[in-house]
N, C-alpha and C. Protein backbone atom coordinates (compact mmCIF):
# COMPACT_ATOMS: atom_id res chain seq x y z
N UNK A 1 22.39 32.14 -19.13
CA UNK A 1 22.41 31.10 -17.77
C UNK A 1 21.53 30.26 -17.90
N UNK A 2 19.98 30.69 -17.98
CA UNK A 2 18.99 29.74 -18.22
C UNK A 2 19.24 28.61 -19.19
N UNK A 3 19.69 28.81 -20.20
CA UNK A 3 20.05 28.04 -21.28
C UNK A 3 21.06 26.82 -21.00
N UNK A 4 22.16 27.44 -20.12
CA UNK A 4 23.02 26.41 -19.78
C UNK A 4 22.52 25.34 -18.65
N UNK A 5 21.71 25.96 -17.84
CA UNK A 5 21.10 25.10 -16.72
C UNK A 5 20.22 24.08 -17.35
N UNK A 6 19.55 24.56 -18.31
CA UNK A 6 18.71 23.27 -19.08
C UNK A 6 19.39 22.30 -19.94
N UNK A 7 20.40 22.77 -20.37
CA UNK A 7 21.40 21.84 -20.77
C UNK A 7 22.13 20.97 -20.06
N UNK A 8 22.53 21.22 -19.06
CA UNK A 8 22.97 20.54 -17.88
C UNK A 8 22.00 19.58 -17.32
N UNK A 9 20.83 19.76 -17.21
CA UNK A 9 19.66 19.14 -16.42
C UNK A 9 19.54 18.15 -17.74
N UNK A 10 19.37 18.47 -18.89
CA UNK A 10 18.98 17.59 -19.88
C UNK A 10 20.24 16.32 -20.02
N UNK A 11 21.46 17.06 -19.76
CA UNK A 11 22.24 16.21 -20.17
C UNK A 11 22.49 14.86 -18.72
N UNK A 12 22.13 15.50 -17.67
CA UNK A 12 21.91 14.52 -16.59
C UNK A 12 21.14 13.76 -16.51
N UNK A 13 19.84 13.90 -17.18
CA UNK A 13 18.69 12.86 -17.42
C UNK A 13 19.03 12.09 -18.31
N UNK A 14 19.55 12.22 -19.14
CA UNK A 14 20.06 11.61 -20.22
C UNK A 14 21.11 10.49 -20.15
N UNK A 15 21.98 11.11 -19.28
CA UNK A 15 22.93 10.11 -18.51
C UNK A 15 22.22 8.90 -17.52
N UNK A 16 21.17 9.34 -16.87
CA UNK A 16 20.58 8.46 -15.97
C UNK A 16 19.88 7.38 -16.79
N UNK A 17 19.21 7.95 -17.90
CA UNK A 17 18.52 6.92 -18.52
C UNK A 17 19.08 6.00 -19.43
N UNK A 18 20.63 6.27 -19.60
CA UNK A 18 21.23 5.50 -20.62
C UNK A 18 22.13 4.60 -19.56
N UNK A 19 22.06 4.59 -18.33
CA UNK A 19 22.88 3.80 -17.56
C UNK A 19 22.62 2.67 -17.43
N UNK A 20 23.49 1.78 -17.34
CA UNK A 20 23.62 0.57 -17.35
C UNK A 20 24.42 -0.42 -16.23
N UNK A 21 23.62 -1.59 -16.03
CA UNK A 21 24.15 -2.49 -15.06
C UNK A 21 24.94 -3.52 -15.70
N UNK A 22 26.39 -3.73 -15.17
CA UNK A 22 27.23 -4.81 -16.12
C UNK A 22 28.00 -5.98 -15.03
N UNK A 23 28.32 -6.96 -15.27
CA UNK A 23 28.77 -7.84 -14.27
C UNK A 23 29.89 -8.88 -15.25
N UNK A 24 30.81 -9.62 -15.16
CA UNK A 24 31.45 -10.41 -15.35
C UNK A 24 31.91 -11.54 -14.43
N UNK A 25 32.01 -12.88 -15.05
CA UNK A 25 32.56 -13.88 -14.31
C UNK A 25 33.46 -14.25 -14.93
N UNK A 26 34.66 -14.52 -13.93
CA UNK A 26 35.72 -15.21 -14.75
C UNK A 26 36.03 -16.86 -13.94
N UNK A 27 36.35 -17.77 -14.55
CA UNK A 27 36.74 -19.10 -13.99
C UNK A 27 38.15 -19.73 -14.47
N UNK A 28 38.39 -20.69 -13.49
CA UNK A 28 39.70 -21.16 -13.78
C UNK A 28 39.76 -22.40 -14.57
N UNK A 29 40.10 -22.83 -15.85
CA UNK A 29 39.89 -24.46 -16.22
C UNK A 29 40.68 -25.43 -15.56
N UNK A 30 40.73 -26.47 -16.28
CA UNK A 30 41.39 -27.76 -15.59
C UNK A 30 42.87 -27.57 -15.50
N UNK A 31 43.30 -26.78 -16.44
CA UNK A 31 44.98 -26.52 -16.87
C UNK A 31 45.06 -25.12 -16.17
N UNK A 32 44.22 -24.54 -15.18
CA UNK A 32 44.59 -23.22 -14.48
C UNK A 32 44.67 -22.05 -15.29
N UNK A 33 43.91 -22.21 -16.48
CA UNK A 33 43.89 -20.86 -17.28
C UNK A 33 42.59 -20.17 -16.68
N UNK A 34 42.76 -18.71 -16.52
CA UNK A 34 41.73 -17.94 -16.42
C UNK A 34 40.82 -17.47 -17.44
N UNK A 35 39.58 -17.75 -17.56
CA UNK A 35 38.84 -17.82 -18.81
C UNK A 35 37.41 -16.78 -18.49
N UNK A 36 37.18 -15.98 -19.26
CA UNK A 36 35.73 -15.16 -18.97
C UNK A 36 34.76 -16.49 -19.34
N UNK A 37 33.80 -16.65 -18.22
CA UNK A 37 32.60 -17.63 -18.22
C UNK A 37 31.44 -16.52 -19.08
N UNK A 38 31.07 -15.51 -18.59
CA UNK A 38 30.03 -14.58 -18.67
C UNK A 38 30.30 -12.86 -18.75
N UNK A 39 29.62 -12.67 -19.52
CA UNK A 39 29.76 -10.87 -19.55
C UNK A 39 28.37 -10.70 -19.87
N UNK A 40 27.89 -9.82 -18.72
CA UNK A 40 26.28 -9.51 -18.94
C UNK A 40 26.13 -7.78 -18.59
N UNK A 41 25.00 -7.60 -19.46
CA UNK A 41 24.97 -6.05 -19.26
C UNK A 41 23.36 -6.09 -19.48
N UNK A 42 22.79 -5.04 -18.30
CA UNK A 42 21.22 -4.93 -18.46
C UNK A 42 21.12 -3.26 -18.36
N UNK A 43 20.05 -2.79 -19.18
CA UNK A 43 19.92 -1.39 -19.46
C UNK A 43 18.47 -1.08 -18.87
N UNK A 44 18.11 -0.25 -18.07
CA UNK A 44 16.89 -0.09 -17.59
C UNK A 44 17.05 1.08 -16.33
N UNK A 45 16.48 0.06 -15.40
CA UNK A 45 16.35 0.82 -14.01
C UNK A 45 17.52 0.12 -13.11
N UNK A 46 18.71 0.83 -13.02
CA UNK A 46 19.59 0.36 -12.02
C UNK A 46 19.38 -0.43 -10.83
N UNK A 47 18.58 0.29 -10.22
CA UNK A 47 18.18 -0.82 -8.98
C UNK A 47 17.45 -1.95 -9.18
N UNK A 48 16.86 -2.30 -10.53
CA UNK A 48 16.57 -3.50 -10.56
C UNK A 48 17.58 -4.43 -11.42
N UNK A 49 18.10 -3.79 -12.19
CA UNK A 49 19.19 -4.31 -13.17
C UNK A 49 20.31 -5.17 -12.33
N UNK A 50 20.46 -4.64 -11.26
CA UNK A 50 21.82 -5.23 -10.24
C UNK A 50 21.11 -6.58 -9.99
N UNK A 51 19.94 -6.89 -9.74
CA UNK A 51 19.61 -7.86 -9.66
C UNK A 51 19.34 -8.86 -10.79
N UNK A 52 18.85 -8.30 -11.84
CA UNK A 52 19.12 -9.15 -13.18
C UNK A 52 20.63 -9.66 -13.36
N UNK A 53 21.58 -8.66 -13.19
CA UNK A 53 23.05 -9.24 -13.13
C UNK A 53 23.26 -10.26 -12.35
N UNK A 54 22.83 -10.28 -11.16
CA UNK A 54 23.08 -11.20 -10.00
C UNK A 54 22.74 -12.49 -10.18
N UNK A 55 21.14 -12.55 -10.96
CA UNK A 55 20.83 -13.80 -11.59
C UNK A 55 21.50 -14.47 -12.56
N UNK A 56 21.92 -13.55 -13.55
CA UNK A 56 22.62 -14.14 -14.62
C UNK A 56 24.20 -14.62 -14.26
N UNK A 57 24.62 -14.13 -13.53
CA UNK A 57 25.92 -14.38 -13.02
C UNK A 57 26.01 -15.60 -12.06
N UNK A 58 24.76 -15.90 -11.27
CA UNK A 58 24.55 -17.00 -10.38
C UNK A 58 24.41 -18.40 -11.38
N UNK A 59 23.47 -18.02 -12.57
CA UNK A 59 23.38 -19.30 -13.32
C UNK A 59 24.49 -19.39 -13.96
N UNK A 60 25.30 -18.41 -14.68
CA UNK A 60 26.54 -18.83 -15.07
C UNK A 60 27.38 -19.57 -14.02
N UNK A 61 27.49 -19.15 -13.08
CA UNK A 61 28.66 -19.65 -12.27
C UNK A 61 28.21 -21.33 -11.69
N UNK A 62 26.86 -21.54 -11.65
CA UNK A 62 26.42 -22.63 -11.29
C UNK A 62 26.90 -23.58 -12.56
N UNK A 63 26.76 -23.17 -13.67
CA UNK A 63 26.95 -23.84 -14.96
C UNK A 63 28.34 -24.16 -15.13
N UNK A 64 29.01 -23.39 -14.62
CA UNK A 64 30.82 -23.17 -14.97
C UNK A 64 31.18 -24.47 -14.07
N UNK A 65 30.69 -24.26 -12.53
CA UNK A 65 31.28 -24.99 -11.46
C UNK A 65 30.70 -26.60 -11.69
N UNK A 66 29.50 -26.84 -12.57
CA UNK A 66 28.84 -28.05 -12.70
C UNK A 66 29.70 -28.95 -14.01
N UNK A 67 30.41 -27.94 -14.85
CA UNK A 67 31.39 -28.54 -15.76
C UNK A 67 32.73 -28.51 -15.44
N UNK A 68 33.17 -28.03 -14.16
CA UNK A 68 34.40 -28.65 -13.50
C UNK A 68 35.26 -27.02 -13.75
N UNK A 69 34.78 -26.28 -13.60
CA UNK A 69 35.50 -24.86 -13.40
C UNK A 69 35.38 -24.26 -12.15
N UNK A 70 36.52 -23.49 -11.69
CA UNK A 70 36.58 -22.98 -10.38
C UNK A 70 36.38 -21.44 -10.53
N UNK A 71 35.56 -21.13 -9.60
CA UNK A 71 35.42 -19.83 -9.49
C UNK A 71 35.97 -19.16 -8.08
N UNK A 72 35.97 -17.80 -7.86
CA UNK A 72 36.49 -17.19 -6.84
C UNK A 72 35.26 -16.57 -5.93
N UNK A 73 34.00 -16.20 -7.01
CA UNK A 73 32.89 -15.72 -6.30
C UNK A 73 31.86 -16.80 -6.17
N UNK A 74 32.31 -17.74 -4.75
CA UNK A 74 31.50 -18.61 -4.54
C UNK A 74 30.21 -18.39 -3.82
N UNK A 75 29.93 -16.93 -3.67
CA UNK A 75 28.70 -16.56 -2.86
C UNK A 75 27.62 -16.90 -4.09
N UNK A 76 27.91 -16.63 -5.33
CA UNK A 76 26.99 -16.94 -6.50
C UNK A 76 26.54 -18.23 -6.52
N UNK A 77 26.95 -19.25 -6.09
CA UNK A 77 26.26 -20.66 -6.02
C UNK A 77 25.22 -20.97 -4.89
N UNK A 78 25.27 -19.88 -4.00
CA UNK A 78 24.36 -20.08 -2.66
C UNK A 78 22.89 -19.17 -3.17
N UNK A 79 23.05 -18.52 -4.16
CA UNK A 79 21.86 -17.51 -4.68
C UNK A 79 20.94 -18.34 -5.03
N UNK A 80 19.64 -18.27 -4.32
CA UNK A 80 18.23 -18.70 -4.89
C UNK A 80 17.73 -18.04 -5.97
N UNK A 81 17.83 -18.89 -7.11
CA UNK A 81 17.58 -18.12 -8.16
C UNK A 81 16.16 -18.50 -8.79
N UNK A 82 15.38 -19.00 -7.68
CA UNK A 82 13.91 -19.52 -8.39
C UNK A 82 13.25 -18.27 -8.42
N UNK A 83 12.22 -17.95 -9.55
CA UNK A 83 11.44 -16.82 -9.54
C UNK A 83 9.75 -17.14 -9.71
N UNK A 84 8.99 -16.26 -9.36
CA UNK A 84 7.45 -16.73 -9.25
C UNK A 84 7.11 -17.08 -10.66
N UNK A 85 6.08 -18.11 -10.57
CA UNK A 85 5.56 -18.34 -11.73
C UNK A 85 4.87 -17.16 -12.59
N UNK A 86 4.70 -17.41 -13.79
CA UNK A 86 4.27 -16.34 -14.65
C UNK A 86 2.73 -16.81 -14.44
N UNK A 87 1.43 -15.83 -14.53
CA UNK A 87 0.32 -15.94 -14.67
C UNK A 87 -0.12 -17.15 -15.27
N UNK A 88 -1.20 -17.94 -14.93
CA UNK A 88 -1.50 -19.22 -15.56
C UNK A 88 -1.92 -19.04 -17.22
N UNK A 89 -0.85 -19.62 -17.92
CA UNK A 89 -1.80 -19.82 -19.36
C UNK A 89 -0.48 -18.72 -20.09
N UNK A 90 0.45 -18.11 -19.71
CA UNK A 90 1.03 -17.20 -20.06
C UNK A 90 2.81 -17.46 -19.52
N UNK A 91 3.47 -16.68 -20.45
CA UNK A 91 4.93 -16.68 -19.85
C UNK A 91 5.59 -15.32 -19.55
N UNK A 92 6.23 -15.17 -18.88
CA UNK A 92 6.98 -14.02 -18.50
C UNK A 92 7.40 -13.27 -19.89
N UNK A 93 6.93 -12.39 -19.68
CA UNK A 93 7.39 -11.39 -21.02
C UNK A 93 7.63 -9.89 -20.20
N UNK A 94 8.35 -9.10 -20.68
CA UNK A 94 8.82 -7.76 -20.08
C UNK A 94 7.74 -6.63 -19.94
N UNK A 95 6.52 -6.82 -20.68
CA UNK A 95 5.37 -6.09 -20.30
C UNK A 95 4.45 -6.75 -19.10
N UNK A 96 4.46 -8.17 -19.11
CA UNK A 96 3.85 -8.53 -18.16
C UNK A 96 4.51 -8.23 -16.34
N UNK A 97 5.88 -8.86 -16.67
CA UNK A 97 6.66 -8.36 -15.75
C UNK A 97 6.69 -7.00 -15.07
N UNK A 98 6.71 -6.03 -16.15
CA UNK A 98 6.83 -4.55 -15.88
C UNK A 98 5.31 -4.30 -15.14
N UNK A 99 4.38 -4.49 -15.76
CA UNK A 99 2.71 -4.52 -14.95
C UNK A 99 2.97 -5.04 -13.62
N UNK A 100 3.46 -6.49 -13.30
CA UNK A 100 3.47 -6.73 -12.12
C UNK A 100 4.28 -6.09 -11.03
N UNK A 101 5.22 -5.50 -11.63
CA UNK A 101 6.05 -4.59 -10.90
C UNK A 101 5.66 -3.40 -10.40
N UNK A 102 4.87 -2.83 -11.41
CA UNK A 102 4.07 -1.58 -11.21
C UNK A 102 3.20 -1.62 -10.29
N UNK A 103 2.57 -2.84 -10.18
CA UNK A 103 1.10 -3.06 -9.15
C UNK A 103 1.66 -3.53 -7.72
N UNK A 104 2.89 -3.77 -7.81
CA UNK A 104 3.36 -4.03 -6.25
C UNK A 104 3.44 -5.59 -6.39
N UNK A 105 3.08 -6.34 -7.17
CA UNK A 105 3.01 -7.89 -6.96
C UNK A 105 4.45 -8.20 -6.94
N UNK A 106 5.25 -7.73 -7.55
CA UNK A 106 6.62 -8.07 -7.60
C UNK A 106 7.66 -7.35 -6.91
N UNK A 107 8.77 -7.89 -6.30
CA UNK A 107 9.68 -6.73 -5.55
C UNK A 107 10.66 -6.56 -6.54
N UNK A 108 11.57 -5.51 -6.27
CA UNK A 108 12.62 -5.16 -7.26
C UNK A 108 13.38 -6.57 -7.54
N UNK A 109 13.78 -7.09 -6.67
CA UNK A 109 14.70 -8.28 -6.68
C UNK A 109 13.98 -9.46 -7.63
N UNK A 110 12.79 -9.64 -7.43
CA UNK A 110 12.09 -10.65 -8.41
C UNK A 110 12.06 -10.15 -9.84
N UNK A 111 11.61 -8.77 -9.95
CA UNK A 111 11.49 -8.41 -11.37
C UNK A 111 12.79 -8.39 -11.80
N UNK A 112 13.63 -7.85 -11.46
CA UNK A 112 15.18 -7.92 -11.79
C UNK A 112 15.46 -9.46 -12.26
N UNK A 113 15.38 -10.28 -11.80
CA UNK A 113 15.56 -11.87 -11.80
C UNK A 113 14.65 -12.28 -13.16
N UNK A 114 13.46 -11.71 -13.06
CA UNK A 114 12.66 -12.30 -14.21
C UNK A 114 13.04 -11.49 -15.41
N UNK A 115 13.48 -10.26 -15.25
CA UNK A 115 13.90 -9.48 -16.64
C UNK A 115 15.01 -10.56 -17.03
N UNK A 116 16.18 -10.84 -16.50
CA UNK A 116 17.28 -11.52 -16.84
C UNK A 116 16.81 -12.96 -17.31
N UNK A 117 15.66 -13.61 -16.79
CA UNK A 117 15.09 -14.71 -17.09
C UNK A 117 14.66 -14.52 -18.63
N UNK A 118 13.88 -13.66 -18.73
CA UNK A 118 13.26 -13.43 -20.21
C UNK A 118 14.60 -13.04 -21.22
N UNK A 119 15.36 -12.24 -20.85
CA UNK A 119 16.31 -11.74 -21.63
C UNK A 119 17.17 -13.15 -21.89
N UNK A 120 17.48 -13.95 -21.09
CA UNK A 120 18.25 -15.33 -21.45
C UNK A 120 17.81 -16.30 -22.19
N UNK A 121 16.42 -16.00 -22.51
CA UNK A 121 15.59 -16.82 -23.26
C UNK A 121 14.72 -18.20 -22.42
N UNK A 122 14.79 -17.93 -20.99
CA UNK A 122 14.40 -19.11 -20.24
C UNK A 122 13.05 -19.06 -20.10
N UNK A 123 12.07 -18.00 -20.41
CA UNK A 123 10.73 -18.03 -20.17
C UNK A 123 9.87 -19.18 -20.98
N UNK A 124 9.06 -19.64 -20.07
CA UNK A 124 8.08 -20.89 -20.70
C UNK A 124 6.79 -20.89 -20.36
N UNK A 125 5.89 -20.95 -21.13
CA UNK A 125 4.27 -21.00 -20.63
C UNK A 125 4.16 -21.58 -19.27
N UNK A 126 3.56 -20.86 -18.60
CA UNK A 126 3.26 -21.61 -17.25
C UNK A 126 1.83 -22.43 -17.32
N UNK A 127 2.02 -23.77 -17.43
CA UNK A 127 1.10 -24.79 -17.59
C UNK A 127 0.33 -24.88 -16.20
N UNK A 128 -0.56 -24.03 -15.89
CA UNK A 128 -0.97 -24.47 -14.46
C UNK A 128 -1.65 -25.42 -14.51
N UNK A 129 -1.77 -26.23 -13.04
CA UNK A 129 -2.68 -27.34 -13.23
C UNK A 129 -3.61 -27.28 -11.86
N UNK A 130 -4.57 -28.01 -12.14
CA UNK A 130 -5.75 -28.29 -11.14
C UNK A 130 -6.84 -27.16 -11.48
């Protein structure tokens, strides 16, 4: 019995660690055809990854609408996707963002947005002035 319990616990832990958060955004083109604009997936902490998905889908929605597409999820257009600046002379990396998150410098939402920002290849060196 003890062995079965350990296997069950191990399986549950593996499932939690392997969990991912996904999202898709469809739009309608000028001819009225429904098309997939974005398909995103983040694997890590689900409580943070939901924000990474939100960030990616919001940027995607804004891009689609700017190109003339029509989306149903118009709330994505109102999301403020600004993120905090990376430390001076650095760009956001997973290591820097995780460190800031663990230190309490970043909230879950900010951390999730930064994770997506990094994964989307948008991170740039913060050229601090002053």
